[in-house]
């Protein structure tokens, strides 16, 4: 009976160690926030449309951004070309123009990086441009 318990305990330790070894390794891209929500924007009070998108490498190997692209008239003005060390942070700068008419804000910035399991992350820019109610 004692031998069985020891064998079972040894097998459980082996399985646990194997699972630990399979944890995510390599570079891990993480946005500080995964979106920027402008909320309600009034036509007579349009905000600045330049954003600094902060991110970090939460992995255990250098993070290399392979491509950063944006949609819908959003322009990526700067992104790190050098590797980001584990635990370090970086910034992606974007800018765009809001049309001076009522509309829904829906923009996406897509980052492709050197992770074979999940090589793409998306940052969303949302909000609503409306005319101010007359009082």
C-alpha atoms as a PDB file:
ATOM      1  CA  UNK A   1       0.000   0.000   0.000  1.00  0.00           C
ATOM      2  CA  UNK A   2       2.814   2.410   0.904  1.00  0.00           C
ATOM      3  CA  UNK A   3       4.646   1.588  -2.341  1.00  0.00           C
ATOM      4  CA  UNK A   4       1.522   2.429  -4.328  1.00  0.00           C
ATOM      5  CA  UNK A   5       1.200   5.769  -2.558  1.00  0.00           C
ATOM      6  CA  UNK A   6       4.838   6.598  -3.254  1.00  0.00           C
ATOM      7  CA  UNK A   7       4.462   5.538  -6.908  1.00  0.00           C
ATOM      8  CA  UNK A   8       1.304   7.610  -7.270  1.00  0.00           C
ATOM      9  CA  UNK A   9       2.945  10.608  -5.634  1.00  0.00           C
ATOM     10  CA  UNK A  10       5.986  10.240  -7.917  1.00  0.00           C
ATOM     11  CA  UNK A  11       3.757  10.049 -10.977  1.00  0.00           C
ATOM     12  CA  UNK A  12       1.803  13.140  -9.893  1.00  0.00           C
ATOM     13  CA  UNK A  13       5.043  15.070  -9.385  1.00  0.00           C
ATOM     14  CA  UNK A  14       6.230  14.003 -12.855  1.00  0.00           C
ATOM     15  CA  UNK A  15       2.956  15.151 -14.467  1.00  0.00           C
ATOM     16  CA  UNK A  16       3.066  18.459 -12.578  1.00  0.00           C
ATOM     17  CA  UNK A  17       6.688  19.061 -13.633  1.00  0.00           C
ATOM     18  CA  UNK A  18       5.796  18.255 -17.259  1.00  0.00           C
ATOM     19  CA  UNK A  19       2.922  20.718 -17.202  1.00  0.00           C
ATOM     20  CA  UNK A  20       5.182  23.410 -15.740  1.00  0.00           C
ATOM     21  CA  UNK A  21       7.693  22.830 -18.544  1.00  0.00           C
ATOM     22  CA  UNK A  22       4.944  23.430 -21.126  1.00  0.00           C
ATOM     23  CA  UNK A  23       4.097  26.899 -19.793  1.00  0.00           C
ATOM     24  CA  UNK A  24       4.397  29.754 -22.253  1.00  0.00           C
ATOM     25  CA  UNK A  25       7.999  30.460 -23.095  1.00  0.00           C
ATOM     26  CA  UNK A  26       9.405  32.995 -25.454  1.00  0.00           C
ATOM     27  CA  UNK A  27       8.322  36.582 -26.065  1.00  0.00           C
ATOM     28  CA  UNK A  28       4.873  37.654 -24.830  1.00  0.00           C
ATOM     29  CA  UNK A  29       3.291  40.893 -26.072  1.00  0.00           C
ATOM     30  CA  UNK A  30       0.914  42.660 -23.658  1.00  0.00           C
ATOM     31  CA  UNK A  31      -0.805  46.012 -24.183  1.00  0.00           C
ATOM     32  CA  UNK A  32      -1.070  48.227 -21.086  1.00  0.00           C
ATOM     33  CA  UNK A  33      -4.757  48.561 -22.104  1.00  0.00           C
ATOM     34  CA  UNK A  34      -6.188  46.711 -25.080  1.00  0.00           C
ATOM     35  CA  UNK A  35      -8.289  49.684 -26.207  1.00  0.00           C
ATOM     36  CA  UNK A  36      -8.749  53.429 -26.121  1.00  0.00           C
ATOM     37  CA  UNK A  37     -12.389  54.482 -25.805  1.00  0.00           C
ATOM     38  CA  UNK A  38     -13.062  58.126 -26.587  1.00  0.00           C
ATOM     39  CA  UNK A  39     -16.621  57.686 -25.349  1.00  0.00           C
ATOM     40  CA  UNK A  40     -18.927  60.409 -26.680  1.00  0.00           C
ATOM     41  CA  UNK A  41     -17.136  63.120 -28.644  1.00  0.00           C
ATOM     42  CA  UNK A  42     -18.996  66.305 -29.582  1.00  0.00           C
ATOM     43  CA  UNK A  43     -18.497  67.940 -32.961  1.00  0.00           C
ATOM     44  CA  UNK A  44     -17.717  71.275 -31.303  1.00  0.00           C
ATOM     45  CA  UNK A  45     -15.065  69.714 -29.009  1.00  0.00           C
ATOM     46  CA  UNK A  46     -12.975  67.262 -31.046  1.00  0.00           C
ATOM     47  CA  UNK A  47     -10.034  65.672 -29.149  1.00  0.00           C
ATOM     48  CA  UNK A  48      -6.436  65.352 -30.290  1.00  0.00           C
ATOM     49  CA  UNK A  49      -6.152  62.165 -32.287  1.00  0.00           C
ATOM     50  CA  UNK A  50      -2.589  61.161 -31.527  1.00  0.00           C
ATOM     51  CA  UNK A  51      -2.159  58.158 -29.258  1.00  0.00           C
ATOM     52  CA  UNK A  52       0.835  56.569 -27.560  1.00  0.00           C
ATOM     53  CA  UNK A  53       0.006  52.881 -27.156  1.00  0.00           C
ATOM     54  CA  UNK A  54       2.083  51.336 -24.365  1.00  0.00           C
ATOM     55  CA  UNK A  55       2.993  47.655 -24.278  1.00  0.00           C
ATOM     56  CA  UNK A  56       5.449  45.345 -22.553  1.00  0.00           C
ATOM     57  CA  UNK A  57       7.225  42.039 -23.050  1.00  0.00           C
ATOM     58  CA  UNK A  58       5.949  39.746 -20.299  1.00  0.00           C
ATOM     59  CA  UNK A  59       7.814  36.751 -21.721  1.00  0.00           C
ATOM     60  CA  UNK A  60      11.273  35.364 -21.113  1.00  0.00           C
ATOM     61  CA  UNK A  61      12.881  36.077 -24.520  1.00  0.00           C
ATOM     62  CA  UNK A  62      13.369  39.284 -26.555  1.00  0.00           C
ATOM     63  CA  UNK A  63      10.222  40.548 -28.288  1.00  0.00           C
ATOM     64  CA  UNK A  64      10.610  41.653 -31.914  1.00  0.00           C
ATOM     65  CA  UNK A  65       7.782  43.555 -33.582  1.00  0.00           C
ATOM     66  CA  UNK A  66       7.670  42.267 -37.143  1.00  0.00           C
ATOM     67  CA  UNK A  67       4.925  44.591 -38.380  1.00  0.00           C
ATOM     68  CA  UNK A  68       2.544  47.213 -37.001  1.00  0.00           C
ATOM     69  CA  UNK A  69      -0.319  48.317 -39.213  1.00  0.00           C
ATOM     70  CA  UNK A  70      -3.525  50.262 -38.746  1.00  0.00           C
ATOM     71  CA  UNK A  71      -6.808  50.468 -40.607  1.00  0.00           C
ATOM     72  CA  UNK A  72      -9.305  53.109 -41.615  1.00  0.00           C
ATOM     73  CA  UNK A  73      -7.032  56.100 -42.196  1.00  0.00           C
ATOM     74  CA  UNK A  74      -5.048  55.558 -39.008  1.00  0.00           C
ATOM     75  CA  UNK A  75      -1.319  56.046 -39.471  1.00  0.00           C
ATOM     76  CA  UNK A  76       1.372  54.339 -37.418  1.00  0.00           C
ATOM     77  CA  UNK A  77       3.993  57.059 -36.988  1.00  0.00           C
ATOM     78  CA  UNK A  78       6.521  55.173 -34.848  1.00  0.00           C
ATOM     79  CA  UNK A  79       7.128  51.716 -33.402  1.00  0.00           C
ATOM     80  CA  UNK A  80      10.211  50.033 -31.915  1.00  0.00           C
ATOM     81  CA  UNK A  81      12.437  48.301 -34.466  1.00  0.00           C
ATOM     82  CA  UNK A  82      14.901  46.997 -31.881  1.00  0.00           C
ATOM     83  CA  UNK A  83      14.166  43.940 -29.687  1.00  0.00           C
ATOM     84  CA  UNK A  84      12.309  44.583 -26.422  1.00  0.00           C
ATOM     85  CA  UNK A  85      13.966  42.662 -23.581  1.00  0.00           C
ATOM     86  CA  UNK A  86      11.877  40.594 -21.144  1.00  0.00           C
ATOM     87  CA  UNK A  87      10.213  42.905 -18.615  1.00  0.00           C
ATOM     88  CA  UNK A  88      10.837  45.999 -20.749  1.00  0.00           C
ATOM     89  CA  UNK A  89       8.249  48.325 -22.273  1.00  0.00           C
ATOM     90  CA  UNK A  90       7.738  50.003 -25.624  1.00  0.00           C
ATOM     91  CA  UNK A  91       5.453  52.537 -27.307  1.00  0.00           C
ATOM     92  CA  UNK A  92       3.597  52.544 -30.616  1.00  0.00           C
ATOM     93  CA  UNK A  93       2.540  56.005 -31.796  1.00  0.00           C
ATOM     94  CA  UNK A  94      -0.488  56.439 -34.056  1.00  0.00           C
ATOM     95  CA  UNK A  95      -2.458  59.368 -35.377  1.00  0.00           C
ATOM     96  CA  UNK A  96      -5.658  59.800 -37.343  1.00  0.00           C
ATOM     97  CA  UNK A  97      -8.276  62.357 -38.219  1.00  0.00           C
ATOM     98  CA  UNK A  98     -11.866  62.291 -37.007  1.00  0.00           C
ATOM     99  CA  UNK A  99     -14.367  63.346 -39.644  1.00  0.00           C
ATOM    100  CA  UNK A 100     -16.365  66.437 -38.537  1.00  0.00           C
ATOM    101  CA  UNK A 101     -19.696  64.632 -38.775  1.00  0.00           C
ATOM    102  CA  UNK A 102     -21.629  62.231 -36.545  1.00  0.00           C
ATOM    103  CA  UNK A 103     -20.192  58.715 -36.807  1.00  0.00           C
ATOM    104  CA  UNK A 104     -18.958  55.732 -34.826  1.00  0.00           C
ATOM    105  CA  UNK A 105     -15.208  55.603 -34.147  1.00  0.00           C
ATOM    106  CA  UNK A 106     -13.858  52.134 -34.862  1.00  0.00           C
ATOM    107  CA  UNK A 107     -10.144  51.782 -35.582  1.00  0.00           C
ATOM    108  CA  UNK A 108      -7.760  48.876 -35.151  1.00  0.00           C
ATOM    109  CA  UNK A 109      -3.985  48.657 -34.773  1.00  0.00           C
ATOM    110  CA  UNK A 110      -2.596  45.182 -35.473  1.00  0.00           C
ATOM    111  CA  UNK A 111       0.804  44.090 -34.160  1.00  0.00           C
ATOM    112  CA  UNK A 112       2.591  41.027 -35.525  1.00  0.00           C
ATOM    113  CA  UNK A 113       5.517  39.748 -33.462  1.00  0.00           C
ATOM    114  CA  UNK A 114       7.853  36.790 -32.975  1.00  0.00           C
ATOM    115  CA  UNK A 115       5.650  34.342 -31.064  1.00  0.00           C
ATOM    116  CA  UNK A 116       4.818  31.106 -32.885  1.00  0.00           C
ATOM    117  CA  UNK A 117       1.703  30.316 -30.807  1.00  0.00           C
ATOM    118  CA  UNK A 118      -0.047  33.693 -30.937  1.00  0.00           C
ATOM    119  CA  UNK A 119       1.821  36.076 -33.248  1.00  0.00           C
ATOM    120  CA  UNK A 120      -0.819  38.823 -33.513  1.00  0.00           C
ATOM    121  CA  UNK A 121      -2.398  41.276 -31.067  1.00  0.00           C
ATOM    122  CA  UNK A 122      -5.023  43.944 -31.791  1.00  0.00           C
ATOM    123  CA  UNK A 123      -5.565  47.329 -30.181  1.00  0.00           C
ATOM    124  CA  UNK A 124      -8.984  48.945 -30.618  1.00  0.00           C
ATOM    125  CA  UNK A 125      -9.883  52.627 -30.771  1.00  0.00           C
ATOM    126  CA  UNK A 126     -13.583  53.257 -30.225  1.00  0.00           C
ATOM    127  CA  UNK A 127     -16.065  56.014 -29.524  1.00  0.00           C
ATOM    128  CA  UNK A 128     -18.954  57.996 -30.975  1.00  0.00           C
ATOM    129  CA  UNK A 129     -18.892  61.446 -32.602  1.00  0.00           C
ATOM    130  CA  UNK A 130     -22.210  63.274 -32.145  1.00  0.00           C
ATOM    131  CA  UNK A 131     -23.707  66.736 -32.519  1.00  0.00           C
ATOM    132  CA  UNK A 132     -24.419  68.488 -29.223  1.00  0.00           C
ATOM    133  CA  UNK A 133     -28.109  68.679 -28.306  1.00  0.00           C
ATOM    134  CA  UNK A 134     -29.581  72.170 -28.568  1.00  0.00           C
ATOM    135  CA  UNK A 135     -30.981  73.381 -25.266  1.00  0.00           C
END
